[in-house]
Amino acid sequence: MKRSDIEQAASPSNNMPQMYAPYYDDEISLVDLWLVLVKHKKVLFYVFMLSLVLATAVAVSKKQQYEFISVIEVGRLPSAKGYDYVASLESAKAKLEQGYIPFVLADIEKDQRGQYKTTIELPKGAHLLSVKTKSTEDNKALHQTFHATILAKLIDDLNLLVENYKDKQNSDLKIQTLSLKEYSESQDELLAQIKQKIKQQESELSALKKSFNKSQVNKESVALLAAETADVYDQLRQLTEKTQATILLKQTRIADIELNLEKVIPTKSIVPFYQSNTSKGLSNKILFILIVFVGGIFALIAAFVAEFADKVREKMKQQETA
């Protein structure tokens, strides 16, 4: 025998019995699960039926939620670039959120304020502001009043800027119109004086020419008076051109002001208050299916809880009889 075999045989570990950990079967088979469900089928049935009744009650009693929408367009004023908006969309939105909506809600009962949760949207590509609230169809009239109240305050605020602009333009229009009238009258008077002077000089020149023909005046006097008359005609021409140019300039200014007044676009409602065609949130059908599904899960849990309770009672009885 080899020395290594003798040492291995003499080793204490080989003289002691081998110890193994006990084996526990913790696996749960589908058959066991099925037996538990069959055993507690009444619990399973009653819990499921309770969830079915609850789902039916909720689906029948729950009213559909709809969106109520209003849209306004922020006013514009004519400018050198074409148009300028009286206010930015962000400032208009801030006025609603920080000012007018809290102000209107203050007059509504506290327990009813929650239904007026307002969403303000700023559609891209258009200077529009959209106000949305959500509630049942029964509250449509209340929400219409709410929309009209807050938007009326915003529209009045923004249109005040439009009215200020129009007041300034109308004031300028009156000034320019009065200036044109006064200038035209003064120039007409001046032109009339020049024309009268020309008429007198022409009359004198005609008399001189008749006298000249009778050899009572010399040629130099006739030539001098004719030259003076020509100068007066030239003054009349220059004054007439200047007057016409100035009048045209003033008329153009007046026409520009009148055009600006016509081009003013006030803040206004472009989409009246309306209700969305489809309901928002979970439909009654989906809600019914969801409650039934959750109820089925609770029914399964209830069956296993009942099985656990049975096991606990059996264990307690064994301990009492031991």
C-alpha atoms as a PDB file:
ATOM      1  CA  MET A   1       0.000   0.000   0.000  1.00  0.00           C
ATOM      2  CA  LYS A   2       1.200   3.404  -0.861  1.00  0.00           C
ATOM      3  CA  ARG A   3       2.028   5.877   1.851  1.00  0.00           C
ATOM      4  CA  SER A   4      -0.476   8.401   0.452  1.00  0.00           C
ATOM      5  CA  ASP A   5      -3.256   5.798   0.685  1.00  0.00           C
ATOM      6  CA  ILE A   6      -2.371   5.063   4.328  1.00  0.00           C
ATOM      7  CA  GLU A   7      -2.444   8.770   5.226  1.00  0.00           C
ATOM      8  CA  GLN A   8      -5.766   9.249   3.456  1.00  0.00           C
ATOM      9  CA  ALA A   9      -7.276   6.306   5.293  1.00  0.00           C
ATOM     10  CA  ALA A  10      -6.011   7.611   8.634  1.00  0.00           C
ATOM     11  CA  SER A  11      -7.410  11.078   8.033  1.00  0.00           C
ATOM     12  CA  PRO A  12     -10.174  11.997  10.533  1.00  0.00           C
ATOM     13  CA  SER A  13     -12.354  13.446   7.829  1.00  0.00           C
ATOM     14  CA  ASN A  14     -12.662  10.060   6.161  1.00  0.00           C
ATOM     15  CA  ASN A  15     -13.739   8.358   9.398  1.00  0.00           C
ATOM     16  CA  MET A  16     -16.722  10.718   9.998  1.00  0.00           C
ATOM     17  CA  PRO A  17     -20.052  10.377   8.182  1.00  0.00           C
ATOM     18  CA  GLN A  18     -20.725  12.878   5.341  1.00  0.00           C
ATOM     19  CA  MET A  19     -23.288  15.621   6.288  1.00  0.00           C
ATOM     20  CA  TYR A  20     -25.585  17.004   3.587  1.00  0.00           C
ATOM     21  CA  ALA A  21     -27.943  20.004   3.806  1.00  0.00           C
ATOM     22  CA  PRO A  22     -31.577  19.000   3.792  1.00  0.00           C
ATOM     23  CA  TYR A  23     -33.389  19.548   0.483  1.00  0.00           C
ATOM     24  CA  TYR A  24     -36.562  21.548   0.407  1.00  0.00           C
ATOM     25  CA  ASP A  25     -38.763  21.636  -2.622  1.00  0.00           C
ATOM     26  CA  ASP A  26     -39.772  25.299  -2.924  1.00  0.00           C
ATOM     27  CA  GLU A  27     -41.032  25.030  -6.449  1.00  0.00           C
ATOM     28  CA  ILE A  28     -44.719  25.770  -6.994  1.00  0.00           C
ATOM     29  CA  SER A  29     -46.331  23.913  -9.841  1.00  0.00           C
ATOM     30  CA  LEU A  30     -49.144  25.166 -11.991  1.00  0.00           C
ATOM     31  CA  VAL A  31     -51.254  22.291 -10.728  1.00  0.00           C
ATOM     32  CA  ASP A  32     -50.876  23.553  -7.149  1.00  0.00           C
ATOM     33  CA  LEU A  33     -51.891  27.053  -8.224  1.00  0.00           C
ATOM     34  CA  TRP A  34     -54.902  25.697 -10.045  1.00  0.00           C
ATOM     35  CA  LEU A  35     -55.934  23.648  -7.020  1.00  0.00           C
ATOM     36  CA  VAL A  36     -55.706  26.740  -4.823  1.00  0.00           C
ATOM     37  CA  LEU A  37     -57.962  28.661  -7.226  1.00  0.00           C
ATOM     38  CA  VAL A  38     -60.450  25.811  -7.397  1.00  0.00           C
ATOM     39  CA  LYS A  39     -60.458  25.484  -3.620  1.00  0.00           C
ATOM     40  CA  HIS A  40     -61.260  29.163  -3.166  1.00  0.00           C
ATOM     41  CA  LYS A  41     -63.394  29.610  -6.224  1.00  0.00           C
ATOM     42  CA  LYS A  42     -66.133  31.279  -4.207  1.00  0.00           C
ATOM     43  CA  VAL A  43     -63.740  33.974  -2.984  1.00  0.00           C
ATOM     44  CA  LEU A  44     -62.464  34.346  -6.541  1.00  0.00           C
ATOM     45  CA  PHE A  45     -65.990  34.596  -7.900  1.00  0.00           C
ATOM     46  CA  TYR A  46     -67.300  37.082  -5.337  1.00  0.00           C
ATOM     47  CA  VAL A  47     -64.324  39.428  -5.580  1.00  0.00           C
ATOM     48  CA  PHE A  48     -64.463  39.359  -9.359  1.00  0.00           C
ATOM     49  CA  MET A  49     -68.204  39.994  -9.384  1.00  0.00           C
ATOM     50  CA  LEU A  50     -67.693  42.879  -6.958  1.00  0.00           C
ATOM     51  CA  SER A  51     -65.172  44.437  -9.327  1.00  0.00           C
ATOM     52  CA  LEU A  52     -67.563  43.881 -12.222  1.00  0.00           C
ATOM     53  CA  VAL A  53     -70.368  45.659 -10.381  1.00  0.00           C
ATOM     54  CA  LEU A  54     -68.008  48.470  -9.420  1.00  0.00           C
ATOM     55  CA  ALA A  55     -66.811  48.839 -13.021  1.00  0.00           C
ATOM     56  CA  THR A  56     -70.392  48.965 -14.278  1.00  0.00           C
ATOM     57  CA  ALA A  57     -71.367  51.577 -11.686  1.00  0.00           C
ATOM     58  CA  VAL A  58     -68.368  53.767 -12.469  1.00  0.00           C
ATOM     59  CA  ALA A  59     -68.860  53.468 -16.236  1.00  0.00           C
ATOM     60  CA  VAL A  60     -72.544  54.368 -15.961  1.00  0.00           C
ATOM     61  CA  SER A  61     -72.137  57.226 -13.472  1.00  0.00           C
ATOM     62  CA  LYS A  62     -68.971  58.777 -14.911  1.00  0.00           C
ATOM     63  CA  LYS A  63     -69.684  61.713 -17.212  1.00  0.00           C
ATOM     64  CA  GLN A  64     -67.508  62.315 -20.220  1.00  0.00           C
ATOM     65  CA  GLN A  65     -65.041  65.201 -20.077  1.00  0.00           C
ATOM     66  CA  TYR A  66     -64.851  67.618 -23.004  1.00  0.00           C
ATOM     67  CA  GLU A  67     -62.503  70.430 -23.900  1.00  0.00           C
ATOM     68  CA  PHE A  68     -63.867  73.968 -24.208  1.00  0.00           C
ATOM     69  CA  ILE A  69     -61.816  76.227 -26.464  1.00  0.00           C
ATOM     70  CA  SER A  70     -61.636  79.905 -27.397  1.00  0.00           C
ATOM     71  CA  VAL A  71     -59.086  81.548 -29.715  1.00  0.00           C
ATOM     72  CA  ILE A  72     -58.197  85.242 -30.062  1.00  0.00           C
ATOM     73  CA  GLU A  73     -55.855  87.123 -32.378  1.00  0.00           C
ATOM     74  CA  VAL A  74     -53.635  89.806 -30.850  1.00  0.00           C
ATOM     75  CA  GLY A  75     -54.070  93.208 -32.526  1.00  0.00           C
ATOM     76  CA  ARG A  76     -51.591  94.763 -34.963  1.00  0.00           C
ATOM     77  CA  LEU A  77     -50.556  98.315 -35.745  1.00  0.00           C
ATOM     78  CA  PRO A  78     -49.053  99.529 -39.047  1.00  0.00           C
ATOM     79  CA  SER A  79     -45.374 100.429 -38.995  1.00  0.00           C
ATOM     80  CA  ALA A  80     -42.462 101.068 -41.333  1.00  0.00           C
ATOM     81  CA  LYS A  81     -41.797  97.308 -41.382  1.00  0.00           C
ATOM     82  CA  GLY A  82     -45.404  96.534 -42.213  1.00  0.00           C
ATOM     83  CA  TYR A  83     -47.030  95.632 -38.921  1.00  0.00           C
ATOM     84  CA  ASP A  84     -46.177  95.622 -35.222  1.00  0.00           C
ATOM     85  CA  TYR A  85     -48.186  93.633 -32.695  1.00  0.00           C
ATOM     86  CA  VAL A  86     -49.613  95.638 -29.824  1.00  0.00           C
ATOM     87  CA  ALA A  87     -48.209  93.060 -27.377  1.00  0.00           C
ATOM     88  CA  SER A  88     -46.202  89.841 -27.476  1.00  0.00           C
ATOM     89  CA  LEU A  89     -47.968  86.523 -26.992  1.00  0.00           C
ATOM     90  CA  GLU A  90     -45.926  85.864 -23.862  1.00  0.00           C
ATOM     91  CA  SER A  91     -47.053  89.118 -22.261  1.00  0.00           C
ATOM     92  CA  ALA A  92     -50.699  88.421 -23.178  1.00  0.00           C
ATOM     93  CA  LYS A  93     -50.399  84.934 -21.676  1.00  0.00           C
ATOM     94  CA  ALA A  94     -48.844  86.349 -18.493  1.00  0.00           C
ATOM     95  CA  LYS A  95     -51.687  88.846 -18.133  1.00  0.00           C
ATOM     96  CA  LEU A  96     -54.200  86.005 -18.250  1.00  0.00           C
ATOM     97  CA  GLU A  97     -52.333  83.668 -15.908  1.00  0.00           C
ATOM     98  CA  GLN A  98     -51.203  86.260 -13.354  1.00  0.00           C
ATOM     99  CA  GLY A  99     -54.037  88.744 -13.585  1.00  0.00           C
ATOM    100  CA  TYR A 100     -57.391  88.089 -15.163  1.00  0.00           C
ATOM    101  CA  ILE A 101     -57.862  84.372 -14.410  1.00  0.00           C
ATOM    102  CA  PRO A 102     -57.128  84.733 -10.645  1.00  0.00           C
ATOM    103  CA  PHE A 103     -59.302  87.852 -10.594  1.00  0.00           C
ATOM    104  CA  VAL A 104     -62.284  86.013 -12.123  1.00  0.00           C
ATOM    105  CA  LEU A 105     -61.748  82.892  -9.985  1.00  0.00           C
ATOM    106  CA  ALA A 106     -61.897  85.048  -6.854  1.00  0.00           C
ATOM    107  CA  ASP A 107     -65.626  85.544  -7.511  1.00  0.00           C
ATOM    108  CA  ILE A 108     -66.248  81.793  -7.854  1.00  0.00           C
ATOM    109  CA  GLU A 109     -66.886  79.444  -4.932  1.00  0.00           C
ATOM    110  CA  LYS A 110     -63.696  77.770  -3.699  1.00  0.00           C
ATOM    111  CA  ASP A 111     -65.050  74.250  -4.149  1.00  0.00           C
ATOM    112  CA  GLN A 112     -65.859  74.990  -7.802  1.00  0.00           C
ATOM    113  CA  ARG A 113     -62.591  76.649  -8.828  1.00  0.00           C
ATOM    114  CA  GLY A 114     -60.922  73.320  -9.588  1.00  0.00           C
ATOM    115  CA  GLN A 115     -63.075  72.733 -12.665  1.00  0.00           C
ATOM    116  CA  TYR A 116     -61.709  75.894 -14.290  1.00  0.00           C
ATOM    117  CA  LYS A 117     -58.147  74.640 -14.640  1.00  0.00           C
ATOM    118  CA  THR A 118     -57.010  76.636 -17.653  1.00  0.00           C
ATOM    119  CA  THR A 119     -54.452  75.798 -20.322  1.00  0.00           C
ATOM    120  CA  ILE A 120     -53.146  78.620 -22.527  1.00  0.00           C
ATOM    121  CA  GLU A 121     -51.496  77.623 -25.786  1.00  0.00           C
ATOM    122  CA  LEU A 122     -49.574  79.755 -28.305  1.00  0.00           C
ATOM    123  CA  PRO A 123     -49.830  78.086 -31.738  1.00  0.00           C
ATOM    124  CA  LYS A 124     -46.647  78.337 -33.779  1.00  0.00           C
ATOM    125  CA  GLY A 125     -46.676  80.344 -36.980  1.00  0.00           C
ATOM    126  CA  ALA A 126     -49.628  82.550 -35.988  1.00  0.00           C
ATOM    127  CA  HIS A 127     -50.089  85.369 -33.523  1.00  0.00           C
ATOM    128  CA  LEU A 128     -52.941  83.544 -31.824  1.00  0.00           C
ATOM    129  CA  LEU A 129     -53.738  82.711 -28.232  1.00  0.00           C
ATOM    130  CA  SER A 130     -55.840  79.651 -27.380  1.00  0.00           C
ATOM    131  CA  VAL A 131     -57.622  79.199 -24.038  1.00  0.00           C
ATOM    132  CA  LYS A 132     -58.740  75.689 -23.043  1.00  0.00           C
ATOM    133  CA  THR A 133     -60.645  74.293 -20.069  1.00  0.00           C
ATOM    134  CA  LYS A 134     -62.027  70.821 -19.444  1.00  0.00           C
ATOM    135  CA  SER A 135     -65.285  69.703 -17.853  1.00  0.00           C
ATOM    136  CA  THR A 136     -68.525  67.796 -18.464  1.00  0.00           C
ATOM    137  CA  GLU A 137     -71.057  68.918 -21.031  1.00  0.00           C
ATOM    138  CA  ASP A 138     -73.416  70.001 -18.231  1.00  0.00           C
ATOM    139  CA  ASN A 139     -70.985  72.803 -17.336  1.00  0.00           C
ATOM    140  CA  LYS A 140     -70.657  74.140 -20.880  1.00  0.00           C
ATOM    141  CA  ALA A 141     -72.582  77.356 -20.147  1.00  0.00           C
ATOM    142  CA  LEU A 142     -70.474  78.069 -17.051  1.00  0.00           C
ATOM    143  CA  HIS A 143     -67.239  77.589 -18.964  1.00  0.00           C
ATOM    144  CA  GLN A 144     -68.501  79.761 -21.806  1.00  0.00           C
ATOM    145  CA  THR A 145     -69.105  82.567 -19.308  1.00  0.00           C
ATOM    146  CA  PHE A 146     -65.659  82.004 -17.786  1.00  0.00           C
ATOM    147  CA  HIS A 147     -63.957  82.178 -21.196  1.00  0.00           C
ATOM    148  CA  ALA A 148     -65.904  85.260 -22.218  1.00  0.00           C
ATOM    149  CA  THR A 149     -65.091  87.075 -18.974  1.00  0.00           C
ATOM    150  CA  ILE A 150     -61.324  86.539 -18.911  1.00  0.00           C
ATOM    151  CA  LEU A 151     -60.905  87.136 -22.648  1.00  0.00           C
ATOM    152  CA  ALA A 152     -63.052  90.275 -22.595  1.00  0.00           C
ATOM    153  CA  LYS A 153     -60.704  91.752 -20.002  1.00  0.00           C
ATOM    154  CA  LEU A 154     -57.632  90.844 -22.052  1.00  0.00           C
ATOM    155  CA  ILE A 155     -59.156  92.139 -25.289  1.00  0.00           C
ATOM    156  CA  ASP A 156     -60.146  95.428 -23.643  1.00  0.00           C
ATOM    157  CA  ASP A 157     -56.638  95.796 -22.234  1.00  0.00           C
ATOM    158  CA  LEU A 158     -54.904  95.188 -25.566  1.00  0.00           C
ATOM    159  CA  ASN A 159     -57.395  97.279 -27.507  1.00  0.00           C
ATOM    160  CA  LEU A 160     -56.698 100.189 -25.184  1.00  0.00           C
ATOM    161  CA  LEU A 161     -53.271 100.355 -26.848  1.00  0.00           C
ATOM    162  CA  VAL A 162     -54.996 100.303 -30.226  1.00  0.00           C
ATOM    163  CA  GLU A 163     -57.300 103.147 -29.186  1.00  0.00           C
ATOM    164  CA  ASN A 164     -54.331 105.199 -27.982  1.00  0.00           C
ATOM    165  CA  TYR A 165     -52.668 104.719 -31.355  1.00  0.00           C
ATOM    166  CA  LYS A 166     -55.856 105.697 -33.189  1.00  0.00           C
ATOM    167  CA  ASP A 167     -56.270 108.789 -30.989  1.00  0.00           C
ATOM    168  CA  LYS A 168     -52.753 109.929 -31.872  1.00  0.00           C
ATOM    169  CA  GLN A 169     -53.349 109.286 -35.564  1.00  0.00           C
ATOM    170  CA  ASN A 170     -56.676 111.143 -35.503  1.00  0.00           C
ATOM    171  CA  SER A 171     -55.057 114.064 -33.703  1.00  0.00           C
ATOM    172  CA  ASP A 172     -52.267 114.150 -36.296  1.00  0.00           C
ATOM    173  CA  LEU A 173     -54.896 113.905 -39.034  1.00  0.00           C
ATOM    174  CA  LYS A 174     -56.732 116.955 -37.693  1.00  0.00           C
ATOM    175  CA  ILE A 175     -53.474 118.921 -37.471  1.00  0.00           C
ATOM    176  CA  GLN A 176     -52.461 117.992 -41.004  1.00  0.00           C
ATOM    177  CA  THR A 177     -55.928 118.744 -42.385  1.00  0.00           C
ATOM    178  CA  LEU A 178     -56.026 122.144 -40.685  1.00  0.00           C
ATOM    179  CA  SER A 179     -52.484 122.887 -41.868  1.00  0.00           C
ATOM    180  CA  LEU A 180     -53.461 122.018 -45.441  1.00  0.00           C
ATOM    181  CA  LYS A 181     -56.520 124.233 -45.256  1.00  0.00           C
ATOM    182  CA  GLU A 182     -54.622 127.196 -43.826  1.00  0.00           C
ATOM    183  CA  TYR A 183     -51.765 126.795 -46.279  1.00  0.00           C
ATOM    184  CA  SER A 184     -54.119 126.508 -49.237  1.00  0.00           C
ATOM    185  CA  GLU A 185     -56.032 129.613 -48.167  1.00  0.00           C
ATOM    186  CA  SER A 186     -52.854 131.658 -47.651  1.00  0.00           C
ATOM    187  CA  GLN A 187     -51.375 130.565 -50.953  1.00  0.00           C
ATOM    188  CA  ASP A 188     -54.639 131.213 -52.777  1.00  0.00           C
ATOM    189  CA  GLU A 189     -54.621 134.725 -51.373  1.00  0.00           C
ATOM    190  CA  LEU A 190     -50.999 135.259 -52.389  1.00  0.00           C
ATOM    191  CA  LEU A 191     -51.619 133.901 -55.875  1.00  0.00           C
ATOM    192  CA  ALA A 192     -54.649 136.128 -56.204  1.00  0.00           C
ATOM    193  CA  GLN A 193     -52.527 139.150 -55.342  1.00  0.00           C
ATOM    194  CA  ILE A 194     -49.917 138.211 -57.926  1.00  0.00           C
ATOM    195  CA  LYS A 195     -52.575 137.627 -60.530  1.00  0.00           C
ATOM    196  CA  GLN A 196     -54.091 141.004 -59.705  1.00  0.00           C
ATOM    197  CA  LYS A 197     -50.674 142.591 -60.077  1.00  0.00           C
ATOM    198  CA  ILE A 198     -50.196 140.914 -63.446  1.00  0.00           C
ATOM    199  CA  LYS A 199     -53.607 142.119 -64.536  1.00  0.00           C
ATOM    200  CA  GLN A 200     -52.720 145.686 -63.581  1.00  0.00           C
ATOM    201  CA  GLN A 201     -49.348 145.529 -65.324  1.00  0.00           C
ATOM    202  CA  GLU A 202     -50.897 144.071 -68.443  1.00  0.00           C
ATOM    203  CA  SER A 203     -53.433 146.884 -68.407  1.00  0.00           C
ATOM    204  CA  GLU A 204     -50.625 149.444 -68.026  1.00  0.00           C
ATOM    205  CA  LEU A 205     -48.601 147.745 -70.724  1.00  0.00           C
ATOM    206  CA  SER A 206     -51.562 147.801 -73.082  1.00  0.00           C
ATOM    207  CA  ALA A 207     -52.060 151.508 -72.422  1.00  0.00           C
ATOM    208  CA  LEU A 208     -48.359 152.172 -73.024  1.00  0.00           C
ATOM    209  CA  LYS A 209     -48.450 150.263 -76.263  1.00  0.00           C
ATOM    210  CA  LYS A 210     -51.385 152.366 -77.459  1.00  0.00           C
ATOM    211  CA  SER A 211     -49.562 155.549 -76.449  1.00  0.00           C
ATOM    212  CA  PHE A 212     -46.410 154.200 -78.075  1.00  0.00           C
ATOM    213  CA  ASN A 213     -48.262 153.798 -81.305  1.00  0.00           C
ATOM    214  CA  LYS A 214     -49.187 157.472 -81.093  1.00  0.00           C
ATOM    215  CA  SER A 215     -45.548 158.327 -80.361  1.00  0.00           C
ATOM    216  CA  GLN A 216     -46.350 159.698 -76.869  1.00  0.00           C
ATOM    217  CA  VAL A 217     -43.933 157.342 -74.943  1.00  0.00           C
ATOM    218  CA  ASN A 218     -40.548 155.964 -75.797  1.00  0.00           C
ATOM    219  CA  LYS A 219     -39.634 152.355 -76.565  1.00  0.00           C
ATOM    220  CA  GLU A 220     -37.598 151.900 -73.331  1.00  0.00           C
ATOM    221  CA  SER A 221     -40.635 152.406 -71.083  1.00  0.00           C
ATOM    222  CA  VAL A 222     -42.604 149.765 -72.919  1.00  0.00           C
ATOM    223  CA  ALA A 223     -39.729 147.270 -72.747  1.00  0.00           C
ATOM    224  CA  LEU A 224     -39.183 147.896 -69.034  1.00  0.00           C
ATOM    225  CA  LEU A 225     -42.829 147.349 -68.153  1.00  0.00           C
ATOM    226  CA  ALA A 226     -42.959 144.217 -70.306  1.00  0.00           C
ATOM    227  CA  ALA A 227     -39.898 142.833 -68.485  1.00  0.00           C
ATOM    228  CA  GLU A 228     -41.490 143.527 -65.107  1.00  0.00           C
ATOM    229  CA  THR A 229     -44.658 141.788 -66.208  1.00  0.00           C
ATOM    230  CA  ALA A 230     -42.634 138.750 -67.348  1.00  0.00           C
ATOM    231  CA  ASP A 231     -40.922 138.624 -63.944  1.00  0.00           C
ATOM    232  CA  VAL A 232     -44.258 138.655 -62.218  1.00  0.00           C
ATOM    233  CA  TYR A 233     -45.420 135.803 -64.481  1.00  0.00           C
ATOM    234  CA  ASP A 234     -42.304 133.851 -63.511  1.00  0.00           C
ATOM    235  CA  GLN A 235     -43.004 134.475 -59.809  1.00  0.00           C
ATOM    236  CA  LEU A 236     -46.559 133.254 -60.356  1.00  0.00           C
ATOM    237  CA  ARG A 237     -45.289 130.092 -62.047  1.00  0.00           C
ATOM    238  CA  GLN A 238     -42.732 129.321 -59.319  1.00  0.00           C
ATOM    239  CA  LEU A 239     -45.217 130.011 -56.544  1.00  0.00           C
ATOM    240  CA  THR A 240     -47.828 127.875 -58.236  1.00  0.00           C
ATOM    241  CA  GLU A 241     -45.405 124.930 -58.584  1.00  0.00           C
ATOM    242  CA  LYS A 242     -44.223 125.262 -54.990  1.00  0.00           C
ATOM    243  CA  THR A 243     -47.809 125.504 -53.740  1.00  0.00           C
ATOM    244  CA  GLN A 244     -48.885 122.439 -55.706  1.00  0.00           C
ATOM    245  CA  ALA A 245     -45.892 120.418 -54.469  1.00  0.00           C
ATOM    246  CA  THR A 246     -46.494 121.433 -50.860  1.00  0.00           C
ATOM    247  CA  ILE A 247     -50.226 120.681 -51.092  1.00  0.00           C
ATOM    248  CA  LEU A 248     -49.459 117.284 -52.654  1.00  0.00           C
ATOM    249  CA  LEU A 249     -47.026 116.502 -49.830  1.00  0.00           C
ATOM    250  CA  LYS A 250     -49.608 117.437 -47.202  1.00  0.00           C
ATOM    251  CA  GLN A 251     -52.322 115.455 -48.981  1.00  0.00           C
ATOM    252  CA  THR A 252     -50.003 112.429 -49.123  1.00  0.00           C
ATOM    253  CA  ARG A 253     -49.371 112.733 -45.408  1.00  0.00           C
ATOM    254  CA  ILE A 254     -53.112 112.903 -44.752  1.00  0.00           C
ATOM    255  CA  ALA A 255     -53.706 109.875 -47.016  1.00  0.00           C
ATOM    256  CA  ASP A 256     -51.009 107.914 -45.134  1.00  0.00           C
ATOM    257  CA  ILE A 257     -52.650 108.673 -41.805  1.00  0.00           C
ATOM    258  CA  GLU A 258     -56.072 107.634 -43.117  1.00  0.00           C
ATOM    259  CA  LEU A 259     -54.561 104.430 -44.537  1.00  0.00           C
ATOM    260  CA  ASN A 260     -52.879 103.656 -41.203  1.00  0.00           C
ATOM    261  CA  LEU A 261     -56.222 104.055 -39.459  1.00  0.00           C
ATOM    262  CA  GLU A 262     -57.802 101.628 -41.920  1.00  0.00           C
ATOM    263  CA  LYS A 263     -54.978  99.107 -41.482  1.00  0.00           C
ATOM    264  CA  VAL A 264     -55.313  98.927 -37.682  1.00  0.00           C
ATOM    265  CA  ILE A 265     -56.325  95.398 -36.619  1.00  0.00           C
ATOM    266  CA  PRO A 266     -57.763  95.257 -33.097  1.00  0.00           C
ATOM    267  CA  THR A 267     -57.463  92.281 -30.787  1.00  0.00           C
ATOM    268  CA  LYS A 268     -60.491  90.114 -31.429  1.00  0.00           C
ATOM    269  CA  SER A 269     -61.953  86.649 -31.115  1.00  0.00           C
ATOM    270  CA  ILE A 270     -61.435  84.719 -34.340  1.00  0.00           C
ATOM    271  CA  VAL A 271     -62.716  81.326 -33.148  1.00  0.00           C
ATOM    272  CA  PRO A 272     -65.824  81.605 -30.953  1.00  0.00           C
ATOM    273  CA  PHE A 273     -66.185  79.413 -27.880  1.00  0.00           C
ATOM    274  CA  TYR A 274     -66.762  75.793 -28.869  1.00  0.00           C
ATOM    275  CA  GLN A 275     -66.778  72.282 -27.427  1.00  0.00           C
ATOM    276  CA  SER A 276     -64.498  69.519 -28.707  1.00  0.00           C
ATOM    277  CA  ASN A 277     -66.218  66.824 -30.751  1.00  0.00           C
ATOM    278  CA  THR A 278     -64.593  63.961 -28.869  1.00  0.00           C
ATOM    279  CA  SER A 279     -64.288  63.425 -25.146  1.00  0.00           C
ATOM    280  CA  LYS A 280     -60.961  63.766 -23.383  1.00  0.00           C
ATOM    281  CA  GLY A 281     -59.380  61.284 -20.986  1.00  0.00           C
ATOM    282  CA  LEU A 282     -60.350  57.634 -20.526  1.00  0.00           C
ATOM    283  CA  SER A 283     -63.558  56.597 -22.236  1.00  0.00           C
ATOM    284  CA  ASN A 284     -66.169  54.701 -20.234  1.00  0.00           C
ATOM    285  CA  LYS A 285     -65.439  51.533 -22.205  1.00  0.00           C
ATOM    286  CA  ILE A 286     -61.707  51.621 -21.490  1.00  0.00           C
ATOM    287  CA  LEU A 287     -62.358  52.521 -17.854  1.00  0.00           C
ATOM    288  CA  PHE A 288     -64.745  49.550 -17.537  1.00  0.00           C
ATOM    289  CA  ILE A 289     -62.173  47.141 -18.993  1.00  0.00           C
ATOM    290  CA  LEU A 290     -59.432  48.564 -16.767  1.00  0.00           C
ATOM    291  CA  ILE A 291     -61.470  48.170 -13.551  1.00  0.00           C
ATOM    292  CA  VAL A 292     -62.484  44.621 -14.502  1.00  0.00           C
ATOM    293  CA  PHE A 293     -58.860  43.738 -15.226  1.00  0.00           C
ATOM    294  CA  VAL A 294     -57.662  45.140 -11.902  1.00  0.00           C
ATOM    295  CA  GLY A 295     -60.594  43.407 -10.178  1.00  0.00           C
ATOM    296  CA  GLY A 296     -59.496  40.058 -11.673  1.00  0.00           C
ATOM    297  CA  ILE A 297     -56.001  40.571 -10.265  1.00  0.00           C
ATOM    298  CA  PHE A 298     -57.437  41.369  -6.834  1.00  0.00           C
ATOM    299  CA  ALA A 299     -59.616  38.250  -7.091  1.00  0.00           C
ATOM    300  CA  LEU A 300     -56.522  36.102  -7.648  1.00  0.00           C
ATOM    301  CA  ILE A 301     -54.744  37.798  -4.751  1.00  0.00           C
ATOM    302  CA  ALA A 302     -57.807  37.237  -2.531  1.00  0.00           C
ATOM    303  CA  ALA A 303     -57.814  33.515  -3.370  1.00  0.00           C
ATOM    304  CA  PHE A 304     -54.155  33.145  -2.384  1.00  0.00           C
ATOM    305  CA  VAL A 305     -54.701  35.214   0.769  1.00  0.00           C
ATOM    306  CA  ALA A 306     -57.562  32.851   1.694  1.00  0.00           C
ATOM    307  CA  GLU A 307     -55.257  29.859   1.112  1.00  0.00           C
ATOM    308  CA  PHE A 308     -52.598  31.451   3.288  1.00  0.00           C
ATOM    309  CA  ALA A 309     -55.179  32.006   6.044  1.00  0.00           C
ATOM    310  CA  ASP A 310     -56.196  28.328   5.847  1.00  0.00           C
ATOM    311  CA  LYS A 311     -52.579  27.228   6.196  1.00  0.00           C
ATOM    312  CA  VAL A 312     -52.112  29.474   9.218  1.00  0.00           C
ATOM    313  CA  ARG A 313     -55.234  28.052  10.908  1.00  0.00           C
ATOM    314  CA  GLU A 314     -54.109  24.481  10.255  1.00  0.00           C
ATOM    315  CA  LYS A 315     -50.692  25.191  11.744  1.00  0.00           C
ATOM    316  CA  MET A 316     -52.218  26.759  14.835  1.00  0.00           C
ATOM    317  CA  LYS A 317     -54.493  23.738  15.342  1.00  0.00           C
ATOM    318  CA  GLN A 318     -51.498  21.381  15.076  1.00  0.00           C
ATOM    319  CA  GLN A 319     -49.657  23.356  17.727  1.00  0.00           C
ATOM    320  CA  GLU A 320     -52.684  23.284  20.052  1.00  0.00           C
ATOM    321  CA  THR A 321     -53.118  19.506  19.770  1.00  0.00           C
ATOM    322  CA  ALA A 322     -49.384  18.805  20.148  1.00  0.00           C
END
